[in-house]
C-alpha atoms as a PDB file:
ATOM      1  CA  MET A   1      -1.502 -22.461 -43.865  1.00  0.00           C
ATOM      2  CA  GLY A   2      -1.502 -20.518 -40.637  1.00  0.00           C
ATOM      3  CA  ILE A   3       0.285 -17.285 -40.074  1.00  0.00           C
ATOM      4  CA  ALA A   4       3.565 -18.015 -38.379  1.00  0.00           C
ATOM      5  CA  LEU A   5       4.800 -15.430 -35.898  1.00  0.00           C
ATOM      6  CA  SER A   6       8.373 -15.113 -34.838  1.00  0.00           C
ATOM      7  CA  ARG A   7       9.179 -15.718 -31.195  1.00  0.00           C
ATOM      8  CA  ARG A   8       9.569 -11.965 -30.661  1.00  0.00           C
ATOM      9  CA  GLY A   9       6.149 -11.369 -32.280  1.00  0.00           C
ATOM     10  CA  ARG A  10       4.475 -13.968 -30.048  1.00  0.00           C
ATOM     11  CA  LEU A  11       6.059 -12.424 -26.936  1.00  0.00           C
ATOM     12  CA  ALA A  12       4.935  -8.951 -27.996  1.00  0.00           C
ATOM     13  CA  MET A  13       1.348 -10.179 -28.471  1.00  0.00           C
ATOM     14  CA  LEU A  14       1.434 -11.972 -25.119  1.00  0.00           C
ATOM     15  CA  ALA A  15       2.730  -8.832 -23.391  1.00  0.00           C
ATOM     16  CA  ALA A  16       0.097  -6.640 -25.071  1.00  0.00           C
ATOM     17  CA  GLY A  17      -2.671  -9.060 -24.065  1.00  0.00           C
ATOM     18  CA  THR A  18      -1.425  -9.170 -20.473  1.00  0.00           C
ATOM     19  CA  ILE A  19      -1.282  -5.369 -20.233  1.00  0.00           C
ATOM     20  CA  ALA A  20      -4.754  -4.993 -21.747  1.00  0.00           C
ATOM     21  CA  GLY A  21      -6.163  -7.644 -19.425  1.00  0.00           C
ATOM     22  CA  SER A  22      -4.585  -5.947 -16.414  1.00  0.00           C
ATOM     23  CA  ALA A  23      -6.075  -2.602 -17.414  1.00  0.00           C
ATOM     24  CA  ILE A  24      -9.527  -4.165 -17.703  1.00  0.00           C
ATOM     25  CA  ALA A  25      -9.135  -5.901 -14.335  1.00  0.00           C
ATOM     26  CA  LEU A  26      -8.014  -2.676 -12.639  1.00  0.00           C
ATOM     27  CA  THR A  27     -10.878  -0.715 -14.166  1.00  0.00           C
ATOM     28  CA  GLY A  28     -13.375  -3.390 -13.141  1.00  0.00           C
ATOM     29  CA  THR A  29     -12.071  -3.459  -9.575  1.00  0.00           C
ATOM     30  CA  ALA A  30     -12.301   0.310  -9.172  1.00  0.00           C
ATOM     31  CA  SER A  31     -15.846   0.358 -10.533  1.00  0.00           C
ATOM     32  CA  ALA A  32     -16.931  -2.506  -8.310  1.00  0.00           C
ATOM     33  CA  ALA A  33     -15.526  -0.764  -5.230  1.00  0.00           C
ATOM     34  CA  GLN A  34     -17.561   2.354  -5.980  1.00  0.00           C
ATOM     35  CA  VAL A  35     -20.817   0.462  -6.579  1.00  0.00           C
ATOM     36  CA  GLN A  36     -20.286  -2.348  -4.007  1.00  0.00           C
ATOM     37  CA  PRO A  37     -23.476  -4.439  -4.164  1.00  0.00           C
ATOM     38  CA  ALA A  38     -25.180  -5.523  -0.963  1.00  0.00           C
ATOM     39  CA  ASP A  39     -24.593  -9.097   0.089  1.00  0.00           C
ATOM     40  CA  TYR A  40     -27.968  -9.497   1.839  1.00  0.00           C
ATOM     41  CA  VAL A  41     -31.228  -7.621   1.812  1.00  0.00           C
ATOM     42  CA  CYS A  42     -33.411  -8.178   4.856  1.00  0.00           C
ATOM     43  CA  ASN A  43     -36.273  -6.503   6.715  1.00  0.00           C
ATOM     44  CA  LEU A  44     -35.927  -4.684  10.010  1.00  0.00           C
ATOM     45  CA  THR A  45     -37.908  -6.412  12.769  1.00  0.00           C
ATOM     46  CA  GLY A  46     -37.747  -3.300  14.967  1.00  0.00           C
ATOM     47  CA  ASN A  47     -36.757   0.346  14.767  1.00  0.00           C
ATOM     48  CA  ALA A  48     -32.971   0.635  14.677  1.00  0.00           C
ATOM     49  CA  TYR A  49     -30.542   3.494  15.090  1.00  0.00           C
ATOM     50  CA  LEU A  50     -27.999   3.679  12.293  1.00  0.00           C
ATOM     51  CA  TYR A  51     -24.644   4.540  13.846  1.00  0.00           C
ATOM     52  CA  GLN A  52     -21.841   6.173  11.915  1.00  0.00           C
ATOM     53  CA  GLY A  53     -19.012   4.448  13.762  1.00  0.00           C
ATOM     54  CA  MET A  54     -18.212   1.375  15.811  1.00  0.00           C
ATOM     55  CA  SER A  55     -16.026   0.764  18.844  1.00  0.00           C
ATOM     56  CA  HIS A  56     -15.665  -2.013  21.403  1.00  0.00           C
ATOM     57  CA  ALA A  57     -18.335  -0.251  23.485  1.00  0.00           C
ATOM     58  CA  GLY A  58     -20.798  -0.379  20.561  1.00  0.00           C
ATOM     59  CA  GLY A  59     -22.091   2.113  18.039  1.00  0.00           C
ATOM     60  CA  TYR A  60     -21.348   5.836  18.295  1.00  0.00           C
ATOM     61  CA  ASP A  61     -22.594   8.946  16.490  1.00  0.00           C
ATOM     62  CA  PRO A  62     -26.216   7.910  15.810  1.00  0.00           C
ATOM     63  CA  LEU A  63     -27.342   9.298  12.464  1.00  0.00           C
ATOM     64  CA  PHE A  64     -31.083   8.532  12.413  1.00  0.00           C
ATOM     65  CA  THR A  65     -33.654   5.813  13.039  1.00  0.00           C
ATOM     66  CA  LEU A  66     -34.433   3.163  10.448  1.00  0.00           C
ATOM     67  CA  HIS A  67     -38.001   1.936  10.788  1.00  0.00           C
ATOM     68  CA  LYS A  68     -39.451  -1.513  11.384  1.00  0.00           C
ATOM     69  CA  GLY A  69     -40.555  -3.325   8.226  1.00  0.00           C
ATOM     70  CA  ARG A  70     -38.220  -1.432   5.914  1.00  0.00           C
ATOM     71  CA  GLY A  71     -35.304  -3.028   4.084  1.00  0.00           C
ATOM     72  CA  PHE A  72     -31.679  -3.098   5.170  1.00  0.00           C
ATOM     73  CA  HIS A  73     -28.816  -3.915   2.786  1.00  0.00           C
ATOM     74  CA  SER A  74     -26.057  -5.699   4.673  1.00  0.00           C
ATOM     75  CA  TYR A  75     -22.453  -5.833   3.472  1.00  0.00           C
ATOM     76  CA  GLU A  76     -21.734  -8.932   5.582  1.00  0.00           C
ATOM     77  CA  ARG A  77     -19.353  -7.039   7.881  1.00  0.00           C
ATOM     78  CA  TYR A  78     -20.042  -8.041  11.464  1.00  0.00           C
ATOM     79  CA  PHE A  79     -18.687  -6.652  14.711  1.00  0.00           C
ATOM     80  CA  TYR A  80     -19.072  -8.012  18.223  1.00  0.00           C
ATOM     81  CA  ASP A  81     -18.765  -5.432  20.999  1.00  0.00           C
ATOM     82  CA  ASP A  82     -17.625  -5.901  24.592  1.00  0.00           C
ATOM     83  CA  SER A  83     -21.243  -6.458  25.689  1.00  0.00           C
ATOM     84  CA  HIS A  84     -21.444  -9.455  23.304  1.00  0.00           C
ATOM     85  CA  ARG A  85     -23.888  -7.656  20.995  1.00  0.00           C
ATOM     86  CA  ASN A  86     -23.697  -8.372  17.280  1.00  0.00           C
ATOM     87  CA  TRP A  87     -23.631  -5.473  14.813  1.00  0.00           C
ATOM     88  CA  VAL A  88     -23.979  -5.432  11.036  1.00  0.00           C
ATOM     89  CA  TYR A  89     -22.772  -2.851   8.492  1.00  0.00           C
ATOM     90  CA  GLY A  90     -24.859  -1.582   5.569  1.00  0.00           C
ATOM     91  CA  TYR A  91     -27.557   0.932   4.688  1.00  0.00           C
ATOM     92  CA  GLY A  92     -31.304   1.243   5.058  1.00  0.00           C
ATOM     93  CA  ALA A  93     -33.873   1.607   2.303  1.00  0.00           C
ATOM     94  CA  GLU A  94     -34.956   4.954   3.774  1.00  0.00           C
ATOM     95  CA  HIS A  95     -31.461   6.465   3.339  1.00  0.00           C
ATOM     96  CA  PRO A  96     -29.658   4.459   0.631  1.00  0.00           C
ATOM     97  CA  GLY A  97     -26.746   6.886   0.369  1.00  0.00           C
ATOM     98  CA  VAL A  98     -25.695   6.589   4.032  1.00  0.00           C
ATOM     99  CA  THR A  99     -23.921   3.513   5.393  1.00  0.00           C
ATOM    100  CA  GLY A 100     -23.469   2.630   9.040  1.00  0.00           C
ATOM    101  CA  TRP A 101     -23.948   0.050  11.774  1.00  0.00           C
ATOM    102  CA  ILE A 102     -27.115  -1.385  13.336  1.00  0.00           C
ATOM    103  CA  LEU A 103     -27.636  -4.045  15.968  1.00  0.00           C
ATOM    104  CA  LEU A 104     -28.078  -7.397  14.297  1.00  0.00           C
ATOM    105  CA  SER A 105     -31.037  -8.083  16.632  1.00  0.00           C
ATOM    106  CA  HIS A 106     -33.017  -5.503  14.602  1.00  0.00           C
ATOM    107  CA  ALA A 107     -32.379  -7.431  11.363  1.00  0.00           C
ATOM    108  CA  PRO A 108     -31.708 -11.057  12.381  1.00  0.00           C
ATOM    109  CA  GLN A 109     -32.039 -12.356   8.794  1.00  0.00           C
ATOM    110  CA  CYS A 110     -28.925 -10.408   7.762  1.00  0.00           C
END
């Protein structure tokens, strides 16, 4: 014999499960946004400036140089400037806490 729940009891359990599931989903989303894993890891084929910002003219506010042979973690966000250059967003292995833009030609595998 199973335990029979009234209709009101079943609805209350359904509502509680939905609320709990929503709370878990919201918590998981917030955590994932803070950690945001890299989509691709590739090697730099040449020294590359990491730029803080991007405009149609290209990168602006250079932060520092990332060096050839080191890793770059790309977030798969691409930008094409007015000069038809491709840019990729991410961070370098030398400065993992700083994200920015590099020319895709410096990391063509990304």
